[in-house]
N, C-alpha and C. Protein backbone atom coordinates (compact mmCIF):
# COMPACT_ATOMS: atom_id res chain seq x y z
N UNK A 1 17.00 -1.36 43.72
CA UNK A 1 17.19 -2.71 43.26
C UNK A 1 17.23 -3.72 44.40
N UNK A 2 17.72 -3.34 45.56
CA UNK A 2 17.83 -4.31 46.66
C UNK A 2 16.45 -4.75 47.14
N UNK A 3 15.44 -3.89 47.05
CA UNK A 3 14.08 -4.26 47.43
C UNK A 3 13.53 -5.32 46.51
N UNK A 4 13.82 -5.20 45.21
CA UNK A 4 13.37 -6.20 44.24
C UNK A 4 14.06 -7.53 44.48
N UNK A 5 15.35 -7.49 44.77
CA UNK A 5 16.09 -8.73 45.06
C UNK A 5 15.55 -9.41 46.31
N UNK A 6 15.21 -8.63 47.30
CA UNK A 6 14.66 -9.17 48.54
C UNK A 6 13.32 -9.86 48.25
N UNK A 7 12.46 -9.23 47.48
CA UNK A 7 11.17 -9.83 47.14
C UNK A 7 11.35 -11.12 46.36
N UNK A 8 12.26 -11.12 45.40
CA UNK A 8 12.51 -12.33 44.62
C UNK A 8 13.04 -13.44 45.52
N UNK A 9 13.89 -13.09 46.44
CA UNK A 9 14.42 -14.09 47.38
C UNK A 9 13.34 -14.67 48.27
N UNK A 10 12.45 -13.82 48.74
CA UNK A 10 11.35 -14.30 49.59
C UNK A 10 10.44 -15.24 48.81
N UNK A 11 10.12 -14.87 47.58
CA UNK A 11 9.27 -15.73 46.74
C UNK A 11 9.96 -17.06 46.48
N UNK A 12 11.25 -17.05 46.24
CA UNK A 12 12.00 -18.29 45.99
C UNK A 12 11.99 -19.19 47.22
N UNK A 13 12.16 -18.61 48.39
CA UNK A 13 12.14 -19.40 49.62
C UNK A 13 10.75 -20.00 49.86
N UNK A 14 9.71 -19.22 49.65
CA UNK A 14 8.35 -19.72 49.83
C UNK A 14 8.07 -20.85 48.86
N UNK A 15 8.48 -20.70 47.61
CA UNK A 15 8.27 -21.75 46.61
C UNK A 15 9.05 -23.01 46.97
N UNK A 16 10.25 -22.84 47.48
CA UNK A 16 11.06 -24.00 47.86
C UNK A 16 10.46 -24.75 49.04
N UNK A 17 9.78 -24.06 49.93
CA UNK A 17 9.15 -24.71 51.07
C UNK A 17 7.76 -25.25 50.75
N UNK A 18 7.05 -24.62 49.83
CA UNK A 18 5.68 -25.02 49.51
C UNK A 18 5.63 -26.32 48.71
N UNK A 19 6.57 -26.54 47.82
CA UNK A 19 6.54 -27.74 46.98
C UNK A 19 6.65 -29.02 47.81
N UNK A 20 7.61 -29.16 48.72
CA UNK A 20 7.65 -30.38 49.54
C UNK A 20 6.45 -30.51 50.47
N UNK A 21 5.93 -29.40 50.95
CA UNK A 21 4.76 -29.46 51.83
C UNK A 21 3.55 -29.99 51.07
N UNK A 22 3.36 -29.53 49.84
CA UNK A 22 2.24 -30.02 49.03
C UNK A 22 2.41 -31.50 48.73
N UNK A 23 3.63 -31.94 48.47
CA UNK A 23 3.88 -33.35 48.19
C UNK A 23 3.60 -34.20 49.43
N UNK A 24 3.95 -33.70 50.59
CA UNK A 24 3.75 -34.46 51.83
C UNK A 24 2.28 -34.57 52.19
N UNK A 25 1.47 -33.60 51.81
CA UNK A 25 0.05 -33.62 52.15
C UNK A 25 -0.80 -34.38 51.13
N UNK A 26 -0.22 -34.80 50.02
CA UNK A 26 -0.97 -35.51 48.98
C UNK A 26 -1.67 -36.76 49.50
N UNK A 27 -1.06 -37.60 50.34
CA UNK A 27 -1.78 -38.79 50.82
C UNK A 27 -3.05 -38.46 51.61
N UNK A 28 -3.10 -37.30 52.22
CA UNK A 28 -4.29 -36.93 52.97
C UNK A 28 -5.47 -36.62 52.05
N UNK A 29 -5.21 -36.25 50.83
CA UNK A 29 -6.28 -35.89 49.90
C UNK A 29 -6.93 -37.12 49.26
N UNK A 30 -6.34 -38.29 49.42
CA UNK A 30 -6.87 -39.48 48.75
C UNK A 30 -7.97 -40.15 49.55
N UNK A 31 -8.15 -39.82 50.79
CA UNK A 31 -9.15 -40.43 51.67
C UNK A 31 -8.89 -41.92 51.88
N UNK A 32 -7.66 -42.34 51.69
CA UNK A 32 -7.31 -43.74 51.94
C UNK A 32 -6.71 -43.84 53.34
N UNK A 33 -7.08 -44.88 54.05
CA UNK A 33 -6.56 -45.09 55.39
C UNK A 33 -5.63 -46.28 55.39
N UNK A 34 -4.67 -46.33 56.32
CA UNK A 34 -3.76 -47.46 56.40
C UNK A 34 -4.50 -48.73 56.80
N UNK A 35 -3.94 -49.90 56.49
CA UNK A 35 -4.57 -51.16 56.89
C UNK A 35 -4.76 -51.21 58.41
N UNK A 36 -5.90 -51.68 58.84
CA UNK A 36 -6.18 -51.79 60.27
C UNK A 36 -6.89 -50.58 60.85
N UNK A 37 -6.88 -49.48 60.13
CA UNK A 37 -7.56 -48.27 60.60
C UNK A 37 -8.93 -48.21 59.97
N UNK A 38 -9.97 -47.87 60.75
CA UNK A 38 -11.30 -47.75 60.15
C UNK A 38 -11.32 -46.61 59.14
N UNK A 39 -12.22 -46.67 58.16
CA UNK A 39 -12.27 -45.61 57.16
C UNK A 39 -12.66 -44.27 57.76
N UNK A 40 -12.28 -43.22 57.08
CA UNK A 40 -12.61 -41.87 57.53
C UNK A 40 -14.10 -41.65 57.46
N UNK A 41 -14.61 -40.86 58.37
CA UNK A 41 -16.03 -40.51 58.39
C UNK A 41 -16.16 -39.04 58.06
N UNK A 42 -17.18 -38.69 57.34
CA UNK A 42 -17.43 -37.28 57.09
C UNK A 42 -18.82 -36.92 57.61
N UNK A 43 -18.95 -35.68 58.01
CA UNK A 43 -20.21 -35.20 58.57
C UNK A 43 -20.97 -34.50 57.45
N UNK A 44 -22.18 -34.97 57.18
CA UNK A 44 -23.02 -34.34 56.17
C UNK A 44 -24.26 -33.78 56.87
N UNK A 45 -24.40 -32.50 56.82
CA UNK A 45 -25.54 -31.88 57.49
C UNK A 45 -25.22 -31.49 58.91
N UNK A 46 -26.25 -31.25 59.68
CA UNK A 46 -26.07 -30.78 61.06
C UNK A 46 -26.35 -31.85 62.11
N UNK A 47 -26.74 -33.05 61.68
CA UNK A 47 -27.05 -34.11 62.63
C UNK A 47 -25.76 -34.81 63.05
N UNK A 48 -25.36 -34.63 64.30
CA UNK A 48 -24.12 -35.21 64.81
C UNK A 48 -24.34 -36.51 65.57
N UNK A 49 -25.55 -37.05 65.54
CA UNK A 49 -25.84 -38.29 66.27
C UNK A 49 -24.94 -39.44 65.82
N UNK A 50 -24.75 -39.69 64.51
CA UNK A 50 -23.85 -40.78 64.12
C UNK A 50 -22.41 -40.57 64.58
N UNK A 51 -21.96 -39.33 64.57
CA UNK A 51 -20.60 -39.03 65.02
C UNK A 51 -20.47 -39.29 66.51
N UNK A 52 -21.46 -38.88 67.28
CA UNK A 52 -21.44 -39.11 68.72
C UNK A 52 -21.44 -40.60 69.03
N UNK A 53 -22.23 -41.37 68.29
CA UNK A 53 -22.30 -42.82 68.52
C UNK A 53 -20.96 -43.48 68.20
N UNK A 54 -20.32 -43.08 67.09
CA UNK A 54 -19.01 -43.64 66.75
C UNK A 54 -17.96 -43.27 67.80
N UNK A 55 -18.01 -42.03 68.28
CA UNK A 55 -17.03 -41.57 69.26
C UNK A 55 -17.21 -42.30 70.59
N UNK A 56 -18.44 -42.49 71.02
CA UNK A 56 -18.71 -43.10 72.32
C UNK A 56 -18.65 -44.62 72.29
N UNK A 57 -18.59 -45.21 71.11
CA UNK A 57 -18.60 -46.67 70.99
C UNK A 57 -17.40 -47.30 71.70
N UNK A 58 -16.25 -46.66 71.66
CA UNK A 58 -15.06 -47.21 72.30
C UNK A 58 -14.58 -46.25 73.38
N UNK A 59 -15.39 -46.06 74.39
CA UNK A 59 -15.08 -45.10 75.45
C UNK A 59 -13.92 -45.55 76.34
N UNK A 60 -13.57 -46.82 76.28
CA UNK A 60 -12.47 -47.31 77.12
C UNK A 60 -11.10 -47.10 76.48
N UNK A 61 -11.06 -46.56 75.28
CA UNK A 61 -9.80 -46.32 74.57
C UNK A 61 -9.61 -44.82 74.35
N UNK A 62 -8.35 -44.40 74.20
CA UNK A 62 -8.12 -42.99 73.83
C UNK A 62 -8.68 -42.74 72.43
N UNK A 63 -9.33 -41.59 72.25
CA UNK A 63 -9.91 -41.23 70.97
C UNK A 63 -9.48 -39.82 70.60
N UNK A 64 -9.59 -39.53 69.33
CA UNK A 64 -9.23 -38.21 68.84
C UNK A 64 -10.30 -37.77 67.86
N UNK A 65 -10.86 -36.61 68.08
CA UNK A 65 -11.86 -36.04 67.20
C UNK A 65 -11.25 -34.80 66.57
N UNK A 66 -11.13 -34.79 65.25
CA UNK A 66 -10.53 -33.67 64.53
C UNK A 66 -11.60 -33.04 63.67
N UNK A 67 -11.81 -31.77 63.84
CA UNK A 67 -12.80 -31.03 63.06
C UNK A 67 -12.03 -30.03 62.21
N UNK A 68 -12.08 -30.22 60.91
CA UNK A 68 -11.38 -29.33 59.99
C UNK A 68 -12.39 -28.47 59.27
N UNK A 69 -12.04 -27.23 59.06
CA UNK A 69 -12.92 -26.30 58.40
C UNK A 69 -12.13 -25.51 57.37
N UNK A 70 -12.73 -25.20 56.23
CA UNK A 70 -11.97 -24.42 55.23
C UNK A 70 -11.80 -22.96 55.58
N UNK A 71 -12.40 -22.51 56.67
CA UNK A 71 -12.27 -21.10 57.02
C UNK A 71 -11.33 -20.89 58.16
């Protein structure tokens, strides 16, 4: 019985942590940016020329390039 209780406890802890995390990440799924920030860009295809041009356009400022992948 103690093994079953341990599993139930682990599942309860994971569920308790996952719900607030999902709520906190909801604004990221809307593709809305705060006022003053340029809109998000997405890469379609393999041509990175537009991305390179956007990145190099403001070379005198700090920039951040984030590449997210589902894998």
